[in-house]
Amino acid sequence: MAVGIGRPAMVPVAAIYSETDMDTRVDAAIVDQAGLRPGMSWGGHARATVVLATPLIGAQLGHMAINISDTVMVGWLGATELAAAVLATQAFFLVFIFGVGFAQAVMPVAAHAEGRGDVRGVRRSVRMGLWVLALYSAVVMVPLWQIEPILLALGQAPETSALAGQYMRVAQWAMFPALFLMGLRSYLAVIGKAHVLMWATFAGVALNIGLNYIFIFGNLGAPALGIVGAAVASLGTNLFGALWLMQYTSTKPQLKKYELYVRFWRPDWPAFFEVIRLGWPIGLTIIAEAGLFSAASIMVGWLGTIPLAAHGIALQLASIAFMIPLGLASASTVRVGLAHGREDWTGLMRAGWSAVVMAAGIGLAAALTFWLVPELLVGLYLDETNATASEVIAFAVPLLYVAAAFQIVDGIQAVSAGNLRGLKDTRMPMIIAIVSYWFIGLPAGYVLAFPIGLGAVGIWWGLAAGLTAAAVLMSWRFGERDRLGLTTPHSEIA
């Protein structure tokens, strides 16, 4: 919702060069590949996107693997616990993803500055972005604490709502380190160090599985906390990742020139408010899409516990596939932003469209996988000895067929939105997202599911309609960027 390029070749190199020399060589390669070299061919831009996107995709898949390990291991407890985890994690994600908008806003601002060679501008945008993320995390503690009554008001079963509330009382504290990670993710992507985030995330996957094993089921002398144990594991994993990246960004010699933590307490209000100005529309754009899927979860919940559990599995699988175009979208934001900072309009065009084409190809591969082996994929999430497993599989497989149908447009809309963010164009994409998802996708899903009677499959066809509308409109806007004035030097159009 990758393959590590060039990693084997780094082993013998590391034996010859010092870590400092090697990082300098890697940085030089990434700067060259990130879109700073004028006159790159279409193939060169495609390779550049892959080089920059690979660690970002790896990090996205690592984050998803953490979520998958929670879902799979909680699923072993039973359908009720799995349904509660679906609702709680969707609620956390909905709040989290709006905050990610502010982290995403750091990316184009910092990329424009990096493209101009403005080290101070990079530092200002990242530092104030972290300020905004910390403030946002504190504010959202209140609604997350009230998740149980919120779910009850939305018509969810009392037992499921109570379990979701127990999970959230622990998991909500992961908001601070999780958003801190996203802020540093934007910083590391812009300066060509995203591979560090990827390795930290992979280490987090192993840690999360181990903590789940200990705290969900009460192994190694720990208490069996059930669904709450998964929340403890997620909190511990996010704290681990945040501390890892903070240590790296504060001690690495190659990053000293940015002085990210020097006088960190000193405000820079123009940068602070620029992050907010660009970030809230990005947040609403992301939340419009994420909210569509959360609303779909609520509607599926009206159909019963088994359909909701099936929906959660299908949604998780679709999200895994989405991680690759989402990583491409982040890479395209950086590369379009760097090209814009240099006023390299040909490079900007090629950087953006090459990423769109790759996203469409990846979507096609995902669609074929969902069509060919749906039962195998769904079965990975279930204990076949559980009495409800066969029912969940029967409900989930038709949903995967619909998910296959919208994989291509889902990737296109994500990368096109990333291209527009690289231009600091955020408000119109927000409007496009709201119209596509809430005025097309959600009503279509409701009508197909209930008045027409297609049930959960109808809700998923509504998702497909919304994603298709967004893909068409986002791509059109990027194609018309010159006529709309989005490529004027240092444009502030949003």
Protein backbone atom coordinates (compact mmCIF):
# COMPACT_ATOMS: atom_id res chain seq x y z
CA MET A 1 0.00 0.00 0.00
CA ALA A 2 11.92 -3.89 -3.03
CA VAL A 3 14.63 -5.01 -3.61
CA GLY A 4 17.76 -3.57 -1.98
CA ILE A 5 19.67 -2.27 -4.99
CA GLY A 6 23.43 -2.37 -4.80
CA ARG A 7 23.67 -3.84 -1.29
CA PRO A 8 25.84 -6.90 -2.12
CA ALA A 9 28.44 -4.68 -3.79
CA MET A 10 28.86 -2.65 -0.60
CA VAL A 11 30.38 -5.55 1.36
CA PRO A 12 33.79 -5.64 -0.34
CA VAL A 13 33.82 -1.84 -0.64
CA ALA A 14 33.41 -1.54 3.12
CA ALA A 15 36.53 -3.65 3.57
CA ILE A 16 38.58 -1.13 1.59
CA TYR A 17 37.16 2.27 2.57
CA SER A 18 36.39 3.76 5.94
CA GLU A 19 32.75 4.36 6.88
CA THR A 20 33.20 8.10 6.29
CA ASP A 21 34.67 7.56 2.82
CA MET A 22 31.98 5.08 1.95
CA ASP A 23 29.15 7.38 3.06
CA THR A 24 30.67 10.18 0.97
CA ARG A 25 30.67 7.92 -2.09
CA VAL A 26 27.08 6.79 -1.43
CA ASP A 27 25.96 10.41 -0.94
CA ALA A 28 27.62 11.43 -4.21
CA ALA A 29 25.87 8.63 -6.07
CA ILE A 30 22.48 9.48 -4.59
CA VAL A 31 22.88 13.21 -5.28
CA ASP A 32 23.71 12.37 -8.90
CA GLN A 33 20.81 9.93 -9.18
CA ALA A 34 18.27 12.05 -7.28
CA GLY A 35 17.73 14.41 -10.19
CA LEU A 36 20.54 16.95 -9.72
CA ARG A 37 22.31 16.04 -12.96
CA PRO A 38 20.83 17.97 -15.91
CA GLY A 39 19.97 16.18 -19.14
CA MET A 40 19.16 12.76 -17.69
CA SER A 41 17.39 10.36 -20.06
CA TRP A 42 14.04 8.75 -19.30
CA GLY A 43 15.87 5.56 -18.35
CA GLY A 44 18.20 7.52 -16.12
CA HIS A 45 15.26 9.05 -14.31
CA ALA A 46 13.65 5.65 -13.87
CA ARG A 47 16.86 4.27 -12.38
CA ALA A 48 17.20 7.36 -10.19
CA THR A 49 13.70 6.86 -8.81
CA VAL A 50 14.44 3.21 -8.06
CA VAL A 51 17.69 4.09 -6.25
CA LEU A 52 15.98 6.70 -4.09
CA ALA A 53 12.73 4.78 -3.64
CA THR A 54 14.22 1.40 -2.71
CA PRO A 55 15.07 2.21 0.93
CA LEU A 56 11.83 4.18 1.27
CA ILE A 57 9.86 1.20 -0.01
CA GLY A 58 11.85 -1.06 2.30
CA ALA A 59 10.96 1.16 5.24
CA GLN A 60 7.29 1.21 4.20
CA LEU A 61 7.24 -2.58 3.94
CA GLY A 62 8.99 -2.81 7.29
CA HIS A 63 6.32 -0.65 8.92
CA MET A 64 3.67 -2.81 7.29
CA ALA A 65 5.40 -5.96 8.52
CA ILE A 66 5.08 -4.62 12.06
CA ASN A 67 1.34 -4.15 11.50
CA ILE A 68 1.05 -7.58 9.90
CA SER A 69 2.78 -9.29 12.81
CA ASP A 70 0.30 -7.62 15.16
CA THR A 71 -2.68 -8.65 13.01
CA VAL A 72 -1.53 -12.23 12.50
CA MET A 73 -0.65 -12.85 16.12
CA VAL A 74 -3.78 -11.18 17.45
CA GLY A 75 -5.77 -13.19 14.87
CA TRP A 76 -4.60 -16.35 16.61
CA LEU A 77 -6.62 -15.22 19.65
CA GLY A 78 -9.91 -15.33 17.69
CA ALA A 79 -12.24 -13.35 15.41
CA THR A 80 -13.47 -10.98 18.15
CA GLU A 81 -9.94 -9.95 19.11
CA LEU A 82 -9.01 -9.57 15.45
CA ALA A 83 -12.06 -7.37 14.79
CA ALA A 84 -11.16 -5.19 17.80
CA ALA A 85 -7.59 -4.85 16.56
CA VAL A 86 -8.86 -3.83 13.11
CA LEU A 87 -10.99 -1.06 14.60
CA ALA A 88 -8.34 0.18 17.03
CA THR A 89 -5.48 0.20 14.53
CA GLN A 90 -7.67 1.91 11.94
CA ALA A 91 -8.54 4.63 14.46
CA PHE A 92 -4.87 5.08 15.44
CA PHE A 93 -3.87 5.15 11.78
CA LEU A 94 -6.53 7.74 10.93
CA VAL A 95 -5.18 10.13 13.57
CA PHE A 96 -1.55 9.27 12.81
CA ILE A 97 -1.89 9.78 9.08
CA PHE A 98 -3.12 13.35 9.46
CA GLY A 99 0.02 14.08 11.47
CA VAL A 100 2.05 12.49 8.70
CA GLY A 101 0.86 15.36 6.53
CA PHE A 102 3.10 17.72 8.50
CA ALA A 103 6.02 15.29 8.13
CA GLN A 104 5.32 15.10 4.39
CA ALA A 105 5.32 18.91 4.22
CA VAL A 106 8.93 18.90 5.40
CA MET A 107 9.93 16.89 2.32
CA PRO A 108 9.21 19.40 -0.50
CA VAL A 109 10.37 22.40 1.55
CA ALA A 110 13.64 20.70 2.46
CA ALA A 111 14.08 19.35 -1.10
CA HIS A 112 13.64 22.80 -2.63
CA ALA A 113 16.26 24.12 -0.20
CA GLU A 114 18.63 21.20 -0.87
CA GLY A 115 18.23 21.73 -4.61
CA ARG A 116 19.34 25.34 -4.14
CA GLY A 117 22.22 24.29 -1.87
CA ASP A 118 20.58 26.04 1.12
CA VAL A 119 21.72 24.03 4.16
CA ARG A 120 20.09 26.48 6.57
CA GLY A 121 16.76 26.09 4.78
CA VAL A 122 16.94 22.31 5.17
CA ARG A 123 17.65 22.63 8.88
CA ARG A 124 14.85 25.15 9.46
CA SER A 125 12.19 23.07 7.74
CA VAL A 126 13.13 19.80 9.48
CA ARG A 127 13.52 21.29 12.94
CA MET A 128 10.22 23.14 12.84
CA GLY A 129 8.56 20.08 11.34
CA LEU A 130 9.56 18.11 14.43
CA TRP A 131 8.12 20.88 16.60
CA VAL A 132 4.80 20.68 14.79
CA LEU A 133 4.72 16.89 15.06
CA ALA A 134 5.36 16.97 18.81
CA LEU A 135 2.57 19.49 19.35
CA TYR A 136 0.14 17.48 17.24
CA SER A 137 0.96 14.26 19.13
CA ALA A 138 0.11 15.91 22.43
CA VAL A 139 -3.23 17.23 21.17
CA VAL A 140 -4.53 13.90 19.82
CA MET A 141 -4.02 12.05 23.11
CA VAL A 142 -7.50 13.19 24.23
CA PRO A 143 -9.63 11.68 21.42
CA LEU A 144 -7.58 8.47 21.35
CA TRP A 145 -8.24 7.96 25.06
CA GLN A 146 -12.00 8.01 24.29
CA ILE A 147 -11.96 5.41 21.51
CA GLU A 148 -14.32 2.96 23.25
CA PRO A 149 -17.29 5.37 23.57
CA ILE A 150 -16.59 6.63 20.04
CA LEU A 151 -16.85 3.11 18.62
CA LEU A 152 -20.01 2.42 20.62
CA ALA A 153 -21.56 5.59 19.19
CA LEU A 154 -20.68 4.33 15.71
CA GLY A 155 -22.66 1.15 16.27
CA GLN A 156 -19.88 -1.34 17.01
CA ALA A 157 -20.43 -4.32 19.33
CA PRO A 158 -19.78 -3.60 23.06
CA GLU A 159 -17.28 -6.44 23.51
CA THR A 160 -15.32 -5.44 20.41
CA SER A 161 -15.35 -1.77 21.43
CA ALA A 162 -14.12 -2.60 24.93
CA LEU A 163 -11.18 -4.63 23.61
CA ALA A 164 -10.31 -1.86 21.15
CA GLY A 165 -10.32 0.64 24.03
CA GLN A 166 -7.96 -1.52 26.09
CA TYR A 167 -5.58 -1.74 23.14
CA MET A 168 -5.63 2.01 22.49
CA ARG A 169 -4.92 3.04 26.10
CA VAL A 170 -1.40 1.68 25.55
CA ALA A 171 -0.92 2.08 21.81
CA GLN A 172 -1.78 5.79 21.74
CA TRP A 173 1.52 6.69 23.44
CA ALA A 174 3.33 5.39 20.36
CA MET A 175 2.07 8.50 18.50
CA PHE A 176 5.02 10.61 19.71
CA PRO A 177 7.88 8.32 18.56
CA ALA A 178 5.97 7.21 15.43
CA LEU A 179 5.56 10.77 14.14
CA PHE A 180 9.10 11.68 15.19
CA LEU A 181 10.21 8.81 12.95
CA MET A 182 8.19 10.21 10.05
CA GLY A 183 9.74 13.66 10.44
CA LEU A 184 13.24 12.23 10.35
CA ARG A 185 12.17 10.04 7.42
CA SER A 186 11.56 13.16 5.31
CA TYR A 187 14.91 14.61 6.38
CA LEU A 188 16.86 11.44 5.59
CA ALA A 189 15.14 11.02 2.21
CA VAL A 190 16.06 14.53 1.10
CA ILE A 191 19.73 14.22 2.10
CA GLY A 192 20.14 10.72 0.62
CA LYS A 193 20.22 8.69 3.85
CA ALA A 194 16.93 6.80 3.66
CA HIS A 195 18.78 3.49 3.84
CA VAL A 196 19.35 4.15 7.56
CA LEU A 197 15.61 4.34 8.13
CA MET A 198 15.14 1.07 6.26
CA TRP A 199 17.60 -0.84 8.44
CA ALA A 200 16.16 0.64 11.62
CA THR A 201 12.70 -0.44 10.49
CA PHE A 202 13.82 -3.98 9.67
CA ALA A 203 15.34 -4.27 13.14
CA GLY A 204 12.02 -3.03 14.50
CA VAL A 205 10.17 -5.84 12.74
CA ALA A 206 12.20 -8.48 14.56
CA LEU A 207 11.79 -6.64 17.85
CA ASN A 208 8.02 -6.32 17.39
CA ILE A 209 7.57 -10.04 16.66
CA GLY A 210 9.61 -10.91 19.74
CA LEU A 211 7.65 -8.53 21.98
CA ASN A 212 4.36 -9.85 20.59
CA TYR A 213 5.46 -13.41 21.36
CA ILE A 214 6.31 -12.43 24.92
CA PHE A 215 3.40 -10.15 25.85
CA ILE A 216 0.41 -11.41 23.83
CA PHE A 217 0.79 -15.03 24.88
CA GLY A 218 2.71 -14.69 28.16
CA ASN A 219 5.95 -16.39 27.16
CA LEU A 220 9.34 -16.19 28.90
CA GLY A 221 7.67 -15.52 32.24
CA ALA A 222 5.73 -12.43 31.14
CA PRO A 223 1.98 -12.08 31.80
CA ALA A 224 -0.36 -13.05 28.94
CA LEU A 225 -1.84 -9.65 28.02
CA GLY A 226 -3.72 -10.71 24.89
CA ILE A 227 -4.59 -7.81 22.60
CA VAL A 228 -2.98 -5.33 25.01
CA GLY A 229 0.30 -7.19 24.57
CA ALA A 230 0.28 -6.21 20.90
CA ALA A 231 -0.06 -2.56 21.92
CA VAL A 232 2.90 -2.90 24.31
CA ALA A 233 4.96 -4.38 21.47
CA SER A 234 4.06 -1.55 19.08
CA LEU A 235 4.95 1.10 21.64
CA GLY A 236 8.30 -0.51 22.40
CA THR A 237 9.12 -0.88 18.71
CA ASN A 238 8.40 2.76 17.89
CA LEU A 239 10.48 3.97 20.83
CA PHE A 240 13.36 1.80 19.65
CA GLY A 241 13.20 3.22 16.10
CA ALA A 242 12.96 6.83 17.25
CA LEU A 243 15.99 6.49 19.53
CA TRP A 244 17.98 4.77 16.76
CA LEU A 245 17.39 7.58 14.26
CA MET A 246 17.93 10.32 16.80
CA GLN A 247 21.31 8.82 17.68
CA TYR A 248 22.25 8.52 14.00
CA THR A 249 21.20 12.04 12.99
CA SER A 250 22.93 13.60 15.99
CA THR A 251 26.30 11.81 15.73
CA LYS A 252 26.97 11.11 12.03
CA PRO A 253 29.88 13.30 10.82
CA GLN A 254 28.37 13.72 7.34
CA LEU A 255 25.28 15.37 8.86
CA LYS A 256 27.11 17.86 11.10
CA LYS A 257 26.71 20.67 8.58
CA TYR A 258 22.93 20.57 9.04
CA GLU A 259 23.21 21.12 12.84
CA LEU A 260 19.72 19.72 13.29
CA TYR A 261 19.77 19.58 17.11
CA VAL A 262 21.93 22.65 17.77
CA ARG A 263 19.76 25.14 19.70
CA PHE A 264 16.79 22.91 18.92
CA TRP A 265 14.63 24.89 21.33
CA ARG A 266 15.02 28.10 19.29
CA PRO A 267 11.85 28.84 17.26
CA ASP A 268 11.90 29.73 13.58
CA TRP A 269 8.34 30.91 13.07
CA PRO A 270 8.37 31.42 9.27
CA ALA A 271 9.48 27.80 8.80
CA PHE A 272 7.08 26.61 11.51
CA PHE A 273 4.08 28.16 9.80
CA GLU A 274 5.20 27.07 6.33
CA VAL A 275 5.17 23.46 7.53
CA ILE A 276 1.67 24.00 8.92
CA ARG A 277 0.50 25.82 5.77
CA LEU A 278 1.61 23.00 3.49
CA GLY A 279 1.04 20.20 5.98
CA TRP A 280 -2.62 20.51 6.88
CA PRO A 281 -3.83 20.13 3.27
CA ILE A 282 -1.49 17.15 2.84
CA GLY A 283 -2.84 15.71 6.06
CA LEU A 284 -6.43 16.14 4.90
CA THR A 285 -5.55 14.63 1.52
CA ILE A 286 -4.11 11.55 3.18
CA ILE A 287 -6.86 11.36 5.76
CA ALA A 288 -9.52 11.64 3.05
CA GLU A 289 -8.21 8.40 1.57
CA ALA A 290 -7.47 6.73 4.89
CA GLY A 291 -10.82 7.92 6.21
CA LEU A 292 -12.54 6.31 3.26
CA PHE A 293 -11.06 2.95 4.23
CA SER A 294 -11.89 3.53 7.90
CA ALA A 295 -15.47 4.41 6.98
CA ALA A 296 -15.54 1.22 4.94
CA SER A 297 -14.44 -0.69 8.04
CA ILE A 298 -17.28 0.87 10.02
CA MET A 299 -19.84 -0.08 7.35
CA VAL A 300 -18.49 -3.62 7.10
CA GLY A 301 -18.75 -3.80 10.89
CA TRP A 302 -22.51 -3.33 10.52
CA LEU A 303 -22.54 -6.65 8.64
CA GLY A 304 -21.03 -8.62 11.53
CA THR A 305 -17.80 -9.80 13.14
CA ILE A 306 -16.84 -12.34 10.46
CA PRO A 307 -17.16 -9.88 7.53
CA LEU A 308 -15.19 -7.30 9.53
CA ALA A 309 -12.37 -9.76 10.22
CA ALA A 310 -12.30 -10.70 6.51
CA HIS A 311 -12.28 -7.04 5.54
CA GLY A 312 -9.34 -6.42 7.87
CA ILE A 313 -7.27 -9.15 6.25
CA ALA A 314 -8.09 -8.04 2.70
CA LEU A 315 -7.33 -4.44 3.63
CA GLN A 316 -4.00 -5.48 5.11
CA LEU A 317 -3.03 -7.32 1.92
CA ALA A 318 -4.05 -4.37 -0.27
CA SER A 319 -2.03 -2.09 2.01
CA ILE A 320 1.07 -4.26 1.62
CA ALA A 321 0.85 -3.91 -2.15
CA PHE A 322 0.32 -0.16 -1.74
CA MET A 323 3.59 0.28 0.16
CA ILE A 324 5.63 0.09 -3.05
CA PRO A 325 3.86 2.92 -4.94
CA LEU A 326 3.75 4.85 -1.66
CA GLY A 327 7.54 4.63 -1.47
CA LEU A 328 7.73 5.70 -5.12
CA ALA A 329 5.49 8.66 -4.26
CA SER A 330 7.91 9.84 -1.57
CA ALA A 331 10.83 9.46 -3.97
CA SER A 332 8.99 11.43 -6.65
CA THR A 333 8.23 14.21 -4.14
CA VAL A 334 11.93 14.52 -3.35
CA ARG A 335 13.09 14.34 -6.96
CA VAL A 336 10.45 16.75 -8.26
CA GLY A 337 11.26 19.11 -5.37
CA LEU A 338 15.02 18.96 -6.05
CA ALA A 339 14.44 19.63 -9.75
CA HIS A 340 12.12 22.52 -8.90
CA GLY A 341 14.74 24.02 -6.60
CA ARG A 342 17.23 23.90 -9.48
CA GLU A 343 14.58 25.12 -11.97
CA ASP A 344 15.24 22.04 -14.12
CA TRP A 345 11.82 21.77 -15.78
CA THR A 346 12.68 18.93 -18.18
CA GLY A 347 14.12 16.88 -15.34
CA LEU A 348 11.05 17.64 -13.26
CA MET A 349 8.73 16.34 -15.97
CA ARG A 350 10.71 13.15 -16.51
CA ALA A 351 11.10 12.50 -12.79
CA GLY A 352 7.35 12.73 -12.25
CA TRP A 353 6.06 10.71 -15.20
CA SER A 354 8.67 7.94 -14.91
CA ALA A 355 7.46 7.32 -11.34
CA VAL A 356 3.82 7.20 -12.51
CA VAL A 357 4.63 4.57 -15.15
CA MET A 358 6.49 2.41 -12.65
CA ALA A 359 3.59 2.64 -10.18
CA ALA A 360 1.18 1.41 -12.86
CA GLY A 361 3.43 -1.58 -13.62
CA ILE A 362 3.73 -2.49 -9.95
CA GLY A 363 -0.06 -2.25 -9.60
CA LEU A 364 -0.51 -4.71 -12.44
CA ALA A 365 1.84 -7.21 -10.76
CA ALA A 366 -0.07 -6.89 -7.48
CA ALA A 367 -3.39 -7.40 -9.26
CA LEU A 368 -2.19 -10.64 -10.85
CA THR A 369 -1.06 -11.93 -7.45
CA PHE A 370 -4.45 -11.20 -5.86
CA TRP A 371 -6.29 -12.89 -8.72
CA LEU A 372 -4.15 -16.04 -8.78
CA VAL A 373 -3.64 -17.02 -5.11
CA PRO A 374 -6.26 -15.27 -2.91
CA GLU A 375 -6.98 -18.24 -0.62
CA LEU A 376 -3.28 -18.75 0.09
CA LEU A 377 -2.80 -15.08 1.00
CA VAL A 378 -5.82 -14.92 3.30
CA GLY A 379 -4.90 -18.20 4.97
CA LEU A 380 -1.60 -16.72 6.17
CA TYR A 381 -3.54 -14.63 8.67
CA LEU A 382 -5.60 -17.42 10.21
CA ASP A 383 -5.23 -20.47 12.40
CA GLU A 384 -6.93 -23.16 10.33
CA THR A 385 -7.97 -25.01 13.49
CA ASN A 386 -10.06 -22.00 14.55
CA ALA A 387 -13.78 -22.64 13.99
CA THR A 388 -14.27 -19.31 12.20
CA ALA A 389 -11.30 -19.58 9.79
CA SER A 390 -13.22 -21.05 6.81
CA GLU A 391 -15.94 -18.40 7.14
CA VAL A 392 -13.41 -15.57 7.17
CA ILE A 393 -11.69 -16.98 4.05
CA ALA A 394 -15.02 -17.23 2.21
CA PHE A 395 -15.76 -13.57 2.90
CA ALA A 396 -12.22 -12.29 2.23
CA VAL A 397 -11.49 -13.85 -1.20
CA PRO A 398 -14.15 -11.84 -3.14
CA LEU A 399 -12.80 -8.67 -1.53
CA LEU A 400 -9.32 -9.47 -2.84
CA TYR A 401 -10.73 -9.83 -6.36
CA VAL A 402 -12.05 -6.27 -6.12
CA ALA A 403 -8.75 -5.08 -4.61
CA ALA A 404 -6.97 -6.53 -7.64
CA ALA A 405 -9.17 -4.44 -9.90
CA PHE A 406 -8.05 -1.12 -8.38
CA GLN A 407 -4.33 -1.74 -7.82
CA ILE A 408 -3.18 0.20 -10.91
CA VAL A 409 -5.23 3.33 -10.24
CA ASP A 410 -4.28 3.25 -6.55
CA GLY A 411 -0.60 3.44 -7.44
CA ILE A 412 -1.15 6.18 -10.02
CA GLN A 413 -3.09 8.41 -7.65
CA ALA A 414 -0.44 8.01 -4.92
CA VAL A 415 2.50 8.93 -7.16
CA SER A 416 0.63 11.77 -8.87
CA ALA A 417 -0.16 13.23 -5.44
CA GLY A 418 3.54 12.87 -4.57
CA ASN A 419 4.51 14.74 -7.74
CA LEU A 420 2.20 17.60 -6.84
CA ARG A 421 3.62 17.79 -3.32
CA GLY A 422 7.06 18.17 -4.85
CA LEU A 423 5.70 21.34 -6.46
CA LYS A 424 4.32 22.52 -3.08
CA ASP A 425 0.86 22.09 -4.60
CA THR A 426 -1.25 20.85 -1.69
CA ARG A 427 -4.65 22.53 -1.49
CA MET A 428 -6.15 21.51 -4.82
CA PRO A 429 -5.04 17.88 -4.37
CA MET A 430 -6.81 18.02 -1.02
CA ILE A 431 -10.03 19.09 -2.73
CA ILE A 432 -9.61 16.39 -5.37
CA ALA A 433 -9.15 13.76 -2.66
CA ILE A 434 -12.19 14.86 -0.67
CA VAL A 435 -14.44 14.91 -3.74
CA SER A 436 -13.13 11.59 -5.08
CA TYR A 437 -13.28 9.63 -1.85
CA TRP A 438 -16.18 11.16 0.05
CA PHE A 439 -18.51 12.34 -2.72
CA ILE A 440 -17.85 9.48 -5.15
CA GLY A 441 -16.27 6.48 -3.37
CA LEU A 442 -18.16 6.42 -0.07
CA PRO A 443 -21.70 7.03 -1.45
CA ALA A 444 -21.11 4.49 -4.22
CA GLY A 445 -19.96 1.91 -1.67
CA TYR A 446 -22.97 2.48 0.57
CA VAL A 447 -25.49 2.24 -2.28
CA LEU A 448 -23.88 -0.89 -3.71
CA ALA A 449 -23.60 -2.55 -0.29
CA PHE A 450 -27.01 -1.87 1.24
CA PRO A 451 -29.78 -0.68 -1.13
CA ILE A 452 -28.48 -2.88 -3.97
CA GLY A 453 -27.46 -5.65 -1.56
CA LEU A 454 -23.88 -6.51 -2.57
CA GLY A 455 -22.66 -6.32 1.03
CA ALA A 456 -18.94 -5.95 1.69
CA VAL A 457 -18.10 -6.46 -2.00
CA GLY A 458 -20.23 -3.43 -2.86
CA ILE A 459 -18.33 -1.34 -0.30
CA TRP A 460 -15.07 -2.34 -1.97
CA TRP A 461 -16.35 -1.42 -5.42
CA GLY A 462 -17.04 2.01 -3.96
CA LEU A 463 -13.40 2.19 -2.90
CA ALA A 464 -12.39 1.39 -6.47
CA ALA A 465 -14.57 4.19 -7.84
CA GLY A 466 -13.07 6.78 -5.51
CA LEU A 467 -9.48 5.77 -6.23
CA THR A 468 -10.09 5.89 -9.99
CA ALA A 469 -11.48 9.41 -9.81
CA ALA A 470 -8.49 10.57 -7.76
CA ALA A 471 -6.00 8.98 -10.16
CA VAL A 472 -7.52 10.70 -13.19
CA LEU A 473 -7.75 14.15 -11.59
CA MET A 474 -4.32 14.11 -9.87
CA SER A 475 -2.59 12.97 -13.06
CA TRP A 476 -4.38 15.62 -15.12
CA ARG A 477 -3.28 18.36 -12.72
CA PHE A 478 0.36 17.31 -12.85
CA GLY A 479 0.15 17.19 -16.64
CA GLU A 480 -1.19 20.76 -16.67
CA ARG A 481 1.38 22.08 -14.18
CA ASP A 482 2.89 24.69 -16.54
CA ARG A 483 -0.46 26.13 -17.60
CA LEU A 484 -1.58 26.26 -13.95
CA GLY A 485 1.58 28.11 -12.90
CA LEU A 486 2.88 25.37 -10.63
CA THR A 487 6.38 25.40 -12.13
CA THR A 488 7.14 29.07 -11.68
CA PRO A 489 10.45 29.54 -9.82
CA HIS A 490 10.08 28.86 -6.09
CA SER A 491 6.29 28.68 -6.48
CA GLU A 492 4.20 29.00 -3.32
CA ILE A 493 0.99 27.99 -5.10
CA ALA A 494 -0.89 25.35 -3.09
